[in-house]
Protein backbone atom coordinates (compact mmCIF):
# COMPACT_ATOMS: atom_id res chain seq x y z
CA MET A 1 -134.83 -86.74 38.42
CA ALA A 2 -135.51 -90.27 37.44
CA LEU A 3 -133.05 -92.28 35.43
CA ASN A 4 -133.55 -91.53 31.75
CA ILE A 5 -133.06 -94.73 29.63
CA GLU A 6 -133.82 -92.94 26.48
CA LYS A 7 -131.00 -90.53 26.84
CA LEU A 8 -128.67 -93.44 27.66
CA LYS A 9 -129.79 -95.28 24.49
CA LYS A 10 -129.23 -92.11 22.43
CA ASP A 11 -125.86 -91.52 23.90
CA ILE A 12 -124.77 -95.18 23.29
CA ALA A 13 -126.08 -95.06 19.64
CA GLY A 14 -124.27 -91.77 19.15
CA ALA A 15 -121.02 -93.34 20.50
CA PHE A 16 -121.21 -96.20 17.97
CA ALA A 17 -122.23 -93.87 14.99
CA GLU A 18 -119.26 -91.71 15.68
CA GLN A 19 -116.89 -94.73 15.28
CA ARG A 20 -118.75 -96.80 12.75
CA ASP A 21 -116.76 -95.83 9.65
CA ILE A 22 -113.38 -95.49 11.07
CA LYS A 23 -110.96 -97.68 9.13
CA THR A 24 -107.56 -96.10 9.39
CA ASP A 25 -106.97 -96.60 13.14
CA PRO A 26 -109.30 -99.29 14.62
CA ALA A 27 -107.42 -99.32 17.96
CA SER A 28 -108.09 -95.51 18.34
CA ALA A 29 -111.71 -96.08 17.31
CA ALA A 30 -112.16 -98.78 19.99
CA GLU A 31 -110.54 -96.64 22.68
CA LYS A 32 -112.79 -93.69 21.77
CA LEU A 33 -115.86 -95.93 21.79
CA ALA A 34 -115.08 -97.26 25.20
CA GLU A 35 -114.50 -93.79 26.52
CA ALA A 36 -117.81 -92.58 25.12
CA LEU A 37 -119.75 -95.69 26.46
CA ALA A 38 -118.16 -95.17 29.90
CA THR A 39 -119.06 -91.59 30.01
CA ALA A 40 -122.66 -92.25 28.88
CA ILE A 41 -123.06 -95.02 31.59
CA ASP A 42 -121.45 -92.80 34.27
CA ASN A 43 -123.74 -89.81 33.43
CA TYR A 44 -126.78 -92.25 33.45
CA ILE A 45 -125.92 -93.61 36.83
CA LYS A 46 -125.22 -90.14 38.33
CA SER A 47 -128.35 -88.64 36.95
CA GLY A 48 -130.74 -90.54 39.23
CA ASP A 49 -132.31 -89.20 42.46
CA VAL A 50 -131.69 -91.14 45.60
CA THR A 51 -133.97 -90.64 48.61
CA VAL A 52 -132.77 -91.82 52.11
CA GLU A 53 -134.39 -92.00 55.35
CA THR A 54 -132.38 -92.17 58.41
CA GLN A 55 -133.18 -93.00 61.98
CA VAL A 56 -131.20 -91.68 65.01
CA THR A 57 -131.52 -93.44 68.35
CA GLY A 58 -130.17 -91.84 71.45
CA THR A 59 -130.83 -89.27 74.03
CA CYS A 60 -130.92 -85.61 73.11
CA ALA A 61 -130.71 -82.57 75.41
CA THR A 62 -133.82 -80.82 73.75
CA PRO A 63 -136.13 -82.52 73.37
CA SER A 64 -135.07 -85.28 75.72
CA GLY A 65 -135.54 -88.99 74.88
CA ALA A 66 -135.16 -91.23 71.94
CA GLY A 67 -136.81 -90.29 68.56
CA THR A 68 -136.66 -90.60 64.89
CA ILE A 69 -135.48 -88.07 62.44
CA ALA A 70 -136.53 -88.41 58.81
CA GLY A 71 -134.91 -86.60 55.96
CA THR A 72 -134.29 -86.84 52.35
CA GLY A 73 -131.26 -86.27 50.16
CA THR A 74 -130.80 -85.92 46.54
CA CYS A 75 -127.88 -87.41 44.60
CA THR A 76 -127.10 -84.99 41.75
CA ASN A 77 -124.07 -85.70 39.50
CA GLY A 78 -122.77 -88.32 41.97
CA LYS A 79 -122.96 -85.92 44.94
CA MET A 80 -125.48 -86.04 47.79
CA SER A 81 -127.16 -82.86 49.02
């Protein structure tokens, strides 16, 4: 899946909205805001697909000789598959 900037913006706006009216404990509100922003950014970055192509050079038993092997991988939630 492609990176979703609209979801990131929504998550950031939501993080600010949750802490906007906190007056009793500003330090706690700042900590909660920072945590929510970090989570939104982390989720955004991990949501993107990454496609890789790799080339292997060497000699194989079957088939013999050098060659190129192409492949793709998908990064989902920070893990390649």
